[in-house]
Amino acid sequence: MLEGMEGFKVEKVESFGLQGVYEELAHIIGLELTINVFETLKGQQITFPSRLYEREYVIKEVKRRYNGTNLKELAREFNYTERWIRELMKTG
């Protein structure tokens, strides 16, 4: 819990007005987890990659799961173009 805020209920803490990125996080993951993120990472600058999975993992999974007809679904799931998936399958 934040220093000096031990006795506050969530509703009262929210009314203090969180900084922009913390307010956005609180809406996504909740206030308690946002406070944990703040306590763990405050002062650090973090950039999140635009893709969730590592390229090598995607290659392995696409090759494993491709059945000849699910190109579009795999492209959508892993956030790559159908063309990229098609090229990947050609290179074997």
PDB file of N, CA and C in Angstrom:
ATOM      1  N   MET A   1       0.852  -1.188   0.000  1.00  0.00           N
ATOM      2  CA  MET A   1       0.000   0.000   0.000  1.00  0.00           C
ATOM      3  C   MET A   1       0.885   1.234   0.000  1.00  0.00           C
ATOM      4  N   LEU A   2       0.399   2.302  -0.563  1.00  0.00           N
ATOM      5  CA  LEU A   2       1.158   3.541  -0.622  1.00  0.00           C
ATOM      6  C   LEU A   2       1.348   4.132   0.757  1.00  0.00           C
ATOM      7  N   GLU A   3       2.509   4.718   0.979  1.00  0.00           N
ATOM      8  CA  GLU A   3       2.821   5.325   2.265  1.00  0.00           C
ATOM      9  C   GLU A   3       1.780   6.383   2.602  1.00  0.00           C
ATOM     10  N   GLY A   4       1.234   6.305   3.808  1.00  0.00           N
ATOM     11  CA  GLY A   4       0.250   7.273   4.253  1.00  0.00           C
ATOM     12  C   GLY A   4      -1.163   6.974   3.787  1.00  0.00           C
ATOM     13  N   MET A   5      -1.371   5.868   3.071  1.00  0.00           N
ATOM     14  CA  MET A   5      -2.702   5.548   2.558  1.00  0.00           C
ATOM     15  C   MET A   5      -3.216   4.218   3.102  1.00  0.00           C
ATOM     16  N   GLU A   6      -2.625   3.713   4.161  1.00  0.00           N
ATOM     17  CA  GLU A   6      -2.979   2.396   4.671  1.00  0.00           C
ATOM     18  C   GLU A   6      -4.457   2.269   5.050  1.00  0.00           C
ATOM     19  N   GLY A   7      -5.069   3.317   5.572  1.00  0.00           N
ATOM     20  CA  GLY A   7      -6.444   3.226   6.050  1.00  0.00           C
ATOM     21  C   GLY A   7      -7.500   3.561   5.015  1.00  0.00           C
ATOM     22  N   PHE A   8      -7.115   3.920   3.822  1.00  0.00           N
ATOM     23  CA  PHE A   8      -8.081   4.356   2.816  1.00  0.00           C
ATOM     24  C   PHE A   8      -8.707   3.174   2.099  1.00  0.00           C
ATOM     25  N   LYS A   9      -9.974   3.326   1.777  1.00  0.00           N
ATOM     26  CA  LYS A   9     -10.651   2.338   0.939  1.00  0.00           C
ATOM     27  C   LYS A   9     -10.337   2.666  -0.509  1.00  0.00           C
ATOM     28  N   VAL A  10     -10.522   1.694  -1.379  1.00  0.00           N
ATOM     29  CA  VAL A  10     -10.219   1.873  -2.794  1.00  0.00           C
ATOM     30  C   VAL A  10     -10.919   3.107  -3.349  1.00  0.00           C
ATOM     31  N   GLU A  11     -12.194   3.302  -3.017  1.00  0.00           N
ATOM     32  CA  GLU A  11     -12.930   4.435  -3.562  1.00  0.00           C
ATOM     33  C   GLU A  11     -12.275   5.757  -3.180  1.00  0.00           C
ATOM     34  N   LYS A  12     -11.768   5.844  -1.951  1.00  0.00           N
ATOM     35  CA  LYS A  12     -11.139   7.084  -1.495  1.00  0.00           C
ATOM     36  C   LYS A  12      -9.802   7.301  -2.183  1.00  0.00           C
ATOM     37  N   VAL A  13      -9.018   6.234  -2.368  1.00  0.00           N
ATOM     38  CA  VAL A  13      -7.733   6.367  -3.036  1.00  0.00           C
ATOM     39  C   VAL A  13      -7.948   6.814  -4.472  1.00  0.00           C
ATOM     40  N   GLU A  14      -8.931   6.245  -5.157  1.00  0.00           N
ATOM     41  CA  GLU A  14      -9.202   6.621  -6.539  1.00  0.00           C
ATOM     42  C   GLU A  14      -9.541   8.096  -6.661  1.00  0.00           C
ATOM     43  N   SER A  15     -10.162   8.658  -5.647  1.00  0.00           N
ATOM     44  CA  SER A  15     -10.557  10.065  -5.719  1.00  0.00           C
ATOM     45  C   SER A  15      -9.369  11.012  -5.621  1.00  0.00           C
ATOM     46  N   PHE A  16      -8.200  10.497  -5.257  1.00  0.00           N
ATOM     47  CA  PHE A  16      -7.017  11.358  -5.176  1.00  0.00           C
ATOM     48  C   PHE A  16      -6.539  11.788  -6.561  1.00  0.00           C
ATOM     49  N   GLY A  17      -6.894  11.075  -7.597  1.00  0.00           N
ATOM     50  CA  GLY A  17      -6.493  11.426  -8.963  1.00  0.00           C
ATOM     51  C   GLY A  17      -5.118  10.884  -9.295  1.00  0.00           C
ATOM     52  N   LEU A  18      -5.092   9.705  -9.832  1.00  0.00           N
ATOM     53  CA  LEU A  18      -3.832   9.069 -10.218  1.00  0.00           C
ATOM     54  C   LEU A  18      -3.241   9.751 -11.443  1.00  0.00           C
ATOM     55  N   GLN A  19      -1.914   9.660 -11.593  1.00  0.00           N
ATOM     56  CA  GLN A  19      -1.251  10.124 -12.811  1.00  0.00           C
ATOM     57  C   GLN A  19      -1.833   9.354 -13.993  1.00  0.00           C
ATOM     58  N   GLY A  20      -1.794   9.926 -15.177  1.00  0.00           N
ATOM     59  CA  GLY A  20      -2.423   9.357 -16.367  1.00  0.00           C
ATOM     60  C   GLY A  20      -2.198   7.881 -16.599  1.00  0.00           C
ATOM     61  N   VAL A  21      -0.936   7.449 -16.647  1.00  0.00           N
ATOM     62  CA  VAL A  21      -0.655   6.046 -16.950  1.00  0.00           C
ATOM     63  C   VAL A  21      -1.148   5.138 -15.824  1.00  0.00           C
ATOM     64  N   TYR A  22      -1.073   5.601 -14.573  1.00  0.00           N
ATOM     65  CA  TYR A  22      -1.562   4.795 -13.454  1.00  0.00           C
ATOM     66  C   TYR A  22      -3.084   4.719 -13.464  1.00  0.00           C
ATOM     67  N   GLU A  23      -3.734   5.793 -13.867  1.00  0.00           N
ATOM     68  CA  GLU A  23      -5.193   5.776 -13.975  1.00  0.00           C
ATOM     69  C   GLU A  23      -5.632   4.766 -15.038  1.00  0.00           C
ATOM     70  N   GLU A  24      -4.934   4.772 -16.167  1.00  0.00           N
ATOM     71  CA  GLU A  24      -5.251   3.826 -17.241  1.00  0.00           C
ATOM     72  C   GLU A  24      -5.026   2.387 -16.789  1.00  0.00           C
ATOM     73  N   LEU A  25      -3.911   2.144 -16.111  1.00  0.00           N
ATOM     74  CA  LEU A  25      -3.635   0.806 -15.581  1.00  0.00           C
ATOM     75  C   LEU A  25      -4.703   0.369 -14.593  1.00  0.00           C
ATOM     76  N   ALA A  26      -5.115   1.281 -13.719  1.00  0.00           N
ATOM     77  CA  ALA A  26      -6.130   0.953 -12.715  1.00  0.00           C
ATOM     78  C   ALA A  26      -7.437   0.534 -13.377  1.00  0.00           C
ATOM     79  N   HIS A  27      -7.784   1.154 -14.486  1.00  0.00           N
ATOM     80  CA  HIS A  27      -9.003   0.773 -15.205  1.00  0.00           C
ATOM     81  C   HIS A  27      -8.853  -0.604 -15.839  1.00  0.00           C
ATOM     82  N   ILE A  28      -7.641  -0.971 -16.218  1.00  0.00           N
ATOM     83  CA  ILE A  28      -7.409  -2.253 -16.896  1.00  0.00           C
ATOM     84  C   ILE A  28      -7.225  -3.397 -15.899  1.00  0.00           C
ATOM     85  N   ILE A  29      -6.363  -3.191 -14.889  1.00  0.00           N
ATOM     86  CA  ILE A  29      -5.996  -4.294 -13.990  1.00  0.00           C
ATOM     87  C   ILE A  29      -6.463  -4.107 -12.555  1.00  0.00           C
ATOM     88  N   GLY A  30      -7.044  -2.950 -12.245  1.00  0.00           N
ATOM     89  CA  GLY A  30      -7.511  -2.693 -10.890  1.00  0.00           C
ATOM     90  C   GLY A  30      -6.493  -1.894 -10.085  1.00  0.00           C
ATOM     91  N   LEU A  31      -6.991  -1.234  -9.058  1.00  0.00           N
ATOM     92  CA  LEU A  31      -6.156  -0.334  -8.268  1.00  0.00           C
ATOM     93  C   LEU A  31      -5.065  -1.066  -7.497  1.00  0.00           C
ATOM     94  N   GLU A  32      -5.401  -2.187  -6.885  1.00  0.00           N
ATOM     95  CA  GLU A  32      -4.413  -2.904  -6.070  1.00  0.00           C
ATOM     96  C   GLU A  32      -3.201  -3.336  -6.901  1.00  0.00           C
ATOM     97  N   LEU A  33      -3.448  -3.902  -8.073  1.00  0.00           N
ATOM     98  CA  LEU A  33      -2.334  -4.305  -8.939  1.00  0.00           C
ATOM     99  C   LEU A  33      -1.581  -3.092  -9.470  1.00  0.00           C
ATOM    100  N   THR A  34      -2.291  -2.000  -9.715  1.00  0.00           N
ATOM    101  CA  THR A  34      -1.635  -0.770 -10.164  1.00  0.00           C
ATOM    102  C   THR A  34      -0.675  -0.263  -9.101  1.00  0.00           C
ATOM    103  N   ILE A  35      -1.081  -0.330  -7.854  1.00  0.00           N
ATOM    104  CA  ILE A  35      -0.200   0.090  -6.757  1.00  0.00           C
ATOM    105  C   ILE A  35       1.013  -0.830  -6.691  1.00  0.00           C
ATOM    106  N   ASN A  36       0.815  -2.132  -6.917  1.00  0.00           N
ATOM    107  CA  ASN A  36       1.954  -3.066  -6.948  1.00  0.00           C
ATOM    108  C   ASN A  36       2.917  -2.713  -8.073  1.00  0.00           C
ATOM    109  N   VAL A  37       2.372  -2.392  -9.251  1.00  0.00           N
ATOM    110  CA  VAL A  37       3.214  -1.991 -10.382  1.00  0.00           C
ATOM    111  C   VAL A  37       3.984  -0.731 -10.015  1.00  0.00           C
ATOM    112  N   PHE A  38       3.298   0.237  -9.427  1.00  0.00           N
ATOM    113  CA  PHE A  38       3.939   1.486  -9.015  1.00  0.00           C
ATOM    114  C   PHE A  38       5.087   1.218  -8.050  1.00  0.00           C
ATOM    115  N   GLU A  39       4.835   0.420  -7.027  1.00  0.00           N
ATOM    116  CA  GLU A  39       5.860   0.156  -6.018  1.00  0.00           C
ATOM    117  C   GLU A  39       7.054  -0.594  -6.606  1.00  0.00           C
ATOM    118  N   THR A  40       6.817  -1.450  -7.568  1.00  0.00           N
ATOM    119  CA  THR A  40       7.878  -2.260  -8.160  1.00  0.00           C
ATOM    120  C   THR A  40       8.661  -1.520  -9.231  1.00  0.00           C
ATOM    121  N   LEU A  41       7.979  -0.718 -10.041  1.00  0.00           N
ATOM    122  CA  LEU A  41       8.610  -0.155 -11.238  1.00  0.00           C
ATOM    123  C   LEU A  41       8.707   1.366 -11.257  1.00  0.00           C
ATOM    124  N   LYS A  42       8.293   2.048 -10.209  1.00  0.00           N
ATOM    125  CA  LYS A  42       8.275   3.519 -10.243  1.00  0.00           C
ATOM    126  C   LYS A  42       9.632   4.079 -10.644  1.00  0.00           C
ATOM    127  N   GLY A  43       9.576   5.094 -11.476  1.00  0.00           N
ATOM    128  CA  GLY A  43      10.788   5.753 -11.941  1.00  0.00           C
ATOM    129  C   GLY A  43      11.413   5.124 -13.173  1.00  0.00           C
ATOM    130  N   GLN A  44      10.978   3.931 -13.538  1.00  0.00           N
ATOM    131  CA  GLN A  44      11.537   3.262 -14.711  1.00  0.00           C
ATOM    132  C   GLN A  44      10.708   3.602 -15.942  1.00  0.00           C
ATOM    133  N   GLN A  45      11.357   3.639 -17.064  1.00  0.00           N
ATOM    134  CA  GLN A  45      10.648   3.854 -18.322  1.00  0.00           C
ATOM    135  C   GLN A  45      10.505   2.512 -19.015  1.00  0.00           C
ATOM    136  N   ILE A  46       9.283   2.165 -19.364  1.00  0.00           N
ATOM    137  CA  ILE A  46       9.004   0.861 -19.942  1.00  0.00           C
ATOM    138  C   ILE A  46       8.334   1.047 -21.295  1.00  0.00           C
ATOM    139  N   THR A  47       8.807   0.295 -22.279  1.00  0.00           N
ATOM    140  CA  THR A  47       8.176   0.270 -23.590  1.00  0.00           C
ATOM    141  C   THR A  47       7.705  -1.154 -23.838  1.00  0.00           C
ATOM    142  N   PHE A  48       6.445  -1.302 -24.149  1.00  0.00           N
ATOM    143  CA  PHE A  48       5.901  -2.625 -24.418  1.00  0.00           C
ATOM    144  C   PHE A  48       5.994  -2.914 -25.913  1.00  0.00           C
ATOM    145  N   PRO A  49       6.507  -4.097 -26.285  1.00  0.00           N
ATOM    146  CA  PRO A  49       6.563  -4.462 -27.701  1.00  0.00           C
ATOM    147  C   PRO A  49       5.157  -4.494 -28.299  1.00  0.00           C
ATOM    148  N   SER A  50       5.063  -4.257 -29.587  1.00  0.00           N
ATOM    149  CA  SER A  50       3.755  -4.258 -30.242  1.00  0.00           C
ATOM    150  C   SER A  50       3.226  -5.674 -30.467  1.00  0.00           C
ATOM    151  N   ARG A  51       4.079  -6.665 -30.311  1.00  0.00           N
ATOM    152  CA  ARG A  51       3.643  -8.061 -30.425  1.00  0.00           C
ATOM    153  C   ARG A  51       3.876  -8.761 -29.090  1.00  0.00           C
ATOM    154  N   LEU A  52       2.927  -9.601 -28.713  1.00  0.00           N
ATOM    155  CA  LEU A  52       2.983 -10.280 -27.422  1.00  0.00           C
ATOM    156  C   LEU A  52       4.001 -11.419 -27.406  1.00  0.00           C
ATOM    157  N   TYR A  53       4.071 -12.168 -28.506  1.00  0.00           N
ATOM    158  CA  TYR A  53       4.921 -13.358 -28.538  1.00  0.00           C
ATOM    159  C   TYR A  53       6.219 -13.108 -29.289  1.00  0.00           C
ATOM    160  N   GLU A  54       7.277 -13.815 -28.889  1.00  0.00           N
ATOM    161  CA  GLU A  54       8.552 -13.753 -29.601  1.00  0.00           C
ATOM    162  C   GLU A  54       8.398 -14.389 -30.977  1.00  0.00           C
ATOM    163  N   ARG A  55       9.131 -13.877 -31.927  1.00  0.00           N
ATOM    164  CA  ARG A  55       9.049 -14.338 -33.318  1.00  0.00           C
ATOM    165  C   ARG A  55       9.302 -15.847 -33.430  1.00  0.00           C
ATOM    166  N   GLU A  56      10.301 -16.351 -32.714  1.00  0.00           N
ATOM    167  CA  GLU A  56      10.648 -17.773 -32.779  1.00  0.00           C
ATOM    168  C   GLU A  56       9.491 -18.642 -32.294  1.00  0.00           C
ATOM    169  N   TYR A  57       8.807 -18.184 -31.257  1.00  0.00           N
ATOM    170  CA  TYR A  57       7.652 -18.921 -30.737  1.00  0.00           C
ATOM    171  C   TYR A  57       6.534 -18.956 -31.780  1.00  0.00           C
ATOM    172  N   VAL A  58       6.280 -17.817 -32.420  1.00  0.00           N
ATOM    173  CA  VAL A  58       5.232 -17.740 -33.440  1.00  0.00           C
ATOM    174  C   VAL A  58       5.546 -18.691 -34.589  1.00  0.00           C
ATOM    175  N   ILE A  59       6.782 -18.694 -35.044  1.00  0.00           N
ATOM    176  CA  ILE A  59       7.181 -19.586 -36.137  1.00  0.00           C
ATOM    177  C   ILE A  59       6.917 -21.041 -35.761  1.00  0.00           C
ATOM    178  N   LYS A  60       7.344 -21.429 -34.580  1.00  0.00           N
ATOM    179  CA  LYS A  60       7.155 -22.804 -34.117  1.00  0.00           C
ATOM    180  C   LYS A  60       5.668 -23.155 -34.031  1.00  0.00           C
ATOM    181  N   GLU A  61       4.874 -22.278 -33.443  1.00  0.00           N
ATOM    182  CA  GLU A  61       3.446 -22.545 -33.263  1.00  0.00           C
ATOM    183  C   GLU A  61       2.692 -22.577 -34.587  1.00  0.00           C
ATOM    184  N   VAL A  62       2.995 -21.648 -35.474  1.00  0.00           N
ATOM    185  CA  VAL A  62       2.314 -21.617 -36.771  1.00  0.00           C
ATOM    186  C   VAL A  62       2.619 -22.895 -37.539  1.00  0.00           C
ATOM    187  N   LYS A  63       3.871 -23.302 -37.558  1.00  0.00           N
ATOM    188  CA  LYS A  63       4.243 -24.535 -38.272  1.00  0.00           C
ATOM    189  C   LYS A  63       3.569 -25.755 -37.647  1.00  0.00           C
ATOM    190  N   ARG A  64       3.425 -25.748 -36.351  1.00  0.00           N
ATOM    191  CA  ARG A  64       2.802 -26.869 -35.654  1.00  0.00           C
ATOM    192  C   ARG A  64       1.290 -26.908 -35.897  1.00  0.00           C
ATOM    193  N   ARG A  65       0.656 -25.737 -35.920  1.00  0.00           N
ATOM    194  CA  ARG A  65      -0.806 -25.681 -35.958  1.00  0.00           C
ATOM    195  C   ARG A  65      -1.411 -25.480 -37.347  1.00  0.00           C
ATOM    196  N   TYR A  66      -0.594 -25.156 -38.322  1.00  0.00           N
ATOM    197  CA  TYR A  66      -1.133 -24.908 -39.669  1.00  0.00           C
ATOM    198  C   TYR A  66      -1.688 -26.197 -40.262  1.00  0.00           C
ATOM    199  N   ASN A  67      -2.943 -26.141 -40.724  1.00  0.00           N
ATOM    200  CA  ASN A  67      -3.582 -27.345 -41.268  1.00  0.00           C
ATOM    201  C   ASN A  67      -3.922 -27.220 -42.751  1.00  0.00           C
ATOM    202  N   GLY A  68      -3.419 -26.165 -43.384  1.00  0.00           N
ATOM    203  CA  GLY A  68      -3.679 -25.964 -44.801  1.00  0.00           C
ATOM    204  C   GLY A  68      -4.861 -25.061 -45.089  1.00  0.00           C
ATOM    205  N   THR A  69      -5.704 -24.825 -44.083  1.00  0.00           N
ATOM    206  CA  THR A  69      -6.895 -23.987 -44.295  1.00  0.00           C
ATOM    207  C   THR A  69      -7.054 -22.868 -43.262  1.00  0.00           C
ATOM    208  N   ASN A  70      -6.196 -22.819 -42.261  1.00  0.00           N
ATOM    209  CA  ASN A  70      -6.397 -21.863 -41.163  1.00  0.00           C
ATOM    210  C   ASN A  70      -5.396 -20.705 -41.172  1.00  0.00           C
ATOM    211  N   LEU A  71      -4.919 -20.337 -42.329  1.00  0.00           N
ATOM    212  CA  LEU A  71      -3.937 -19.261 -42.466  1.00  0.00           C
ATOM    213  C   LEU A  71      -4.452 -17.945 -41.870  1.00  0.00           C
ATOM    214  N   LYS A  72      -5.662 -17.568 -42.223  1.00  0.00           N
ATOM    215  CA  LYS A  72      -6.248 -16.307 -41.761  1.00  0.00           C
ATOM    216  C   LYS A  72      -6.368 -16.277 -40.231  1.00  0.00           C
ATOM    217  N   GLU A  73      -6.820 -17.374 -39.645  1.00  0.00           N
ATOM    218  CA  GLU A  73      -6.989 -17.447 -38.193  1.00  0.00           C
ATOM    219  C   GLU A  73      -5.648 -17.320 -37.469  1.00  0.00           C
ATOM    220  N   LEU A  74      -4.634 -18.012 -37.980  1.00  0.00           N
ATOM    221  CA  LEU A  74      -3.305 -17.933 -37.363  1.00  0.00           C
ATOM    222  C   LEU A  74      -2.725 -16.530 -37.487  1.00  0.00           C
ATOM    223  N   ALA A  75      -2.900 -15.918 -38.644  1.00  0.00           N
ATOM    224  CA  ALA A  75      -2.401 -14.553 -38.844  1.00  0.00           C
ATOM    225  C   ALA A  75      -3.057 -13.606 -37.851  1.00  0.00           C
ATOM    226  N   ARG A  76      -4.352 -13.731 -37.690  1.00  0.00           N
ATOM    227  CA  ARG A  76      -5.081 -12.869 -36.760  1.00  0.00           C
ATOM    228  C   ARG A  76      -4.645 -13.128 -35.315  1.00  0.00           C
ATOM    229  N   GLU A  77      -4.542 -14.384 -34.946  1.00  0.00           N
ATOM    230  CA  GLU A  77      -4.186 -14.744 -33.571  1.00  0.00           C
ATOM    231  C   GLU A  77      -2.814 -14.208 -33.169  1.00  0.00           C
ATOM    232  N   PHE A  78      -1.851 -14.301 -34.075  1.00  0.00           N
ATOM    233  CA  PHE A  78      -0.492 -13.903 -33.735  1.00  0.00           C
ATOM    234  C   PHE A  78      -0.130 -12.499 -34.206  1.00  0.00           C
ATOM    235  N   ASN A  79      -1.090 -11.792 -34.812  1.00  0.00           N
ATOM    236  CA  ASN A  79      -0.902 -10.396 -35.230  1.00  0.00           C
ATOM    237  C   ASN A  79       0.179 -10.250 -36.308  1.00  0.00           C
ATOM    238  N   TYR A  80       0.139 -11.148 -37.277  1.00  0.00           N
ATOM    239  CA  TYR A  80       0.999 -11.068 -38.453  1.00  0.00           C
ATOM    240  C   TYR A  80       0.106 -11.072 -39.687  1.00  0.00           C
ATOM    241  N   THR A  81       0.661 -10.688 -40.818  1.00  0.00           N
ATOM    242  CA  THR A  81      -0.127 -10.699 -42.050  1.00  0.00           C
ATOM    243  C   THR A  81      -0.234 -12.120 -42.588  1.00  0.00           C
ATOM    244  N   GLU A  82      -1.275 -12.338 -43.367  1.00  0.00           N
ATOM    245  CA  GLU A  82      -1.427 -13.637 -44.021  1.00  0.00           C
ATOM    246  C   GLU A  82      -0.239 -13.895 -44.940  1.00  0.00           C
ATOM    247  N   ARG A  83       0.237 -12.856 -45.578  1.00  0.00           N
ATOM    248  CA  ARG A  83       1.391 -12.989 -46.475  1.00  0.00           C
ATOM    249  C   ARG A  83       2.612 -13.508 -45.712  1.00  0.00           C
ATOM    250  N   TRP A  84       2.856 -12.968 -44.518  1.00  0.00           N
ATOM    251  CA  TRP A  84       4.008 -13.398 -43.719  1.00  0.00           C
ATOM    252  C   TRP A  84       3.865 -14.869 -43.337  1.00  0.00           C
ATOM    253  N   ILE A  85       2.666 -15.264 -42.935  1.00  0.00           N
ATOM    254  CA  ILE A  85       2.422 -16.661 -42.565  1.00  0.00           C
ATOM    255  C   ILE A  85       2.615 -17.570 -43.787  1.00  0.00           C
ATOM    256  N   ARG A  86       2.106 -17.144 -44.934  1.00  0.00           N
ATOM    257  CA  ARG A  86       2.253 -17.923 -46.170  1.00  0.00           C
ATOM    258  C   ARG A  86       3.731 -18.107 -46.514  1.00  0.00           C
ATOM    259  N   GLU A  87       4.501 -17.024 -46.440  1.00  0.00           N
ATOM    260  CA  GLU A  87       5.944 -17.097 -46.720  1.00  0.00           C
ATOM    261  C   GLU A  87       6.638 -18.023 -45.726  1.00  0.00           C
ATOM    262  N   LEU A  88       6.232 -17.944 -44.499  1.00  0.00           N
ATOM    263  CA  LEU A  88       6.796 -18.806 -43.461  1.00  0.00           C
ATOM    264  C   LEU A  88       6.564 -20.277 -43.806  1.00  0.00           C
ATOM    265  N   MET A  89       5.376 -20.595 -44.267  1.00  0.00           N
ATOM    266  CA  MET A  89       5.059 -21.978 -44.597  1.00  0.00           C
ATOM    267  C   MET A  89       5.829 -22.448 -45.839  1.00  0.00           C
ATOM    268  N   LYS A  90       6.126 -21.538 -46.760  1.00  0.00           N
ATOM    269  CA  LYS A  90       6.907 -21.893 -47.955  1.00  0.00           C
ATOM    270  C   LYS A  90       8.346 -22.245 -47.599  1.00  0.00           C
ATOM    271  N   THR A  91       8.908 -21.526 -46.615  1.00  0.00           N
ATOM    272  CA  THR A  91      10.311 -21.741 -46.255  1.00  0.00           C
ATOM    273  C   THR A  91      10.491 -23.014 -45.448  1.00  0.00           C
ATOM    274  N   GLY A  92       9.387 -23.591 -45.008  1.00  0.00           N
ATOM    275  CA  GLY A  92       9.392 -24.887 -44.350  1.00  0.00           C
ATOM    276  C   GLY A  92      10.175 -24.907 -43.113  1.00  0.00           C
TER     277      GLY A  92
END
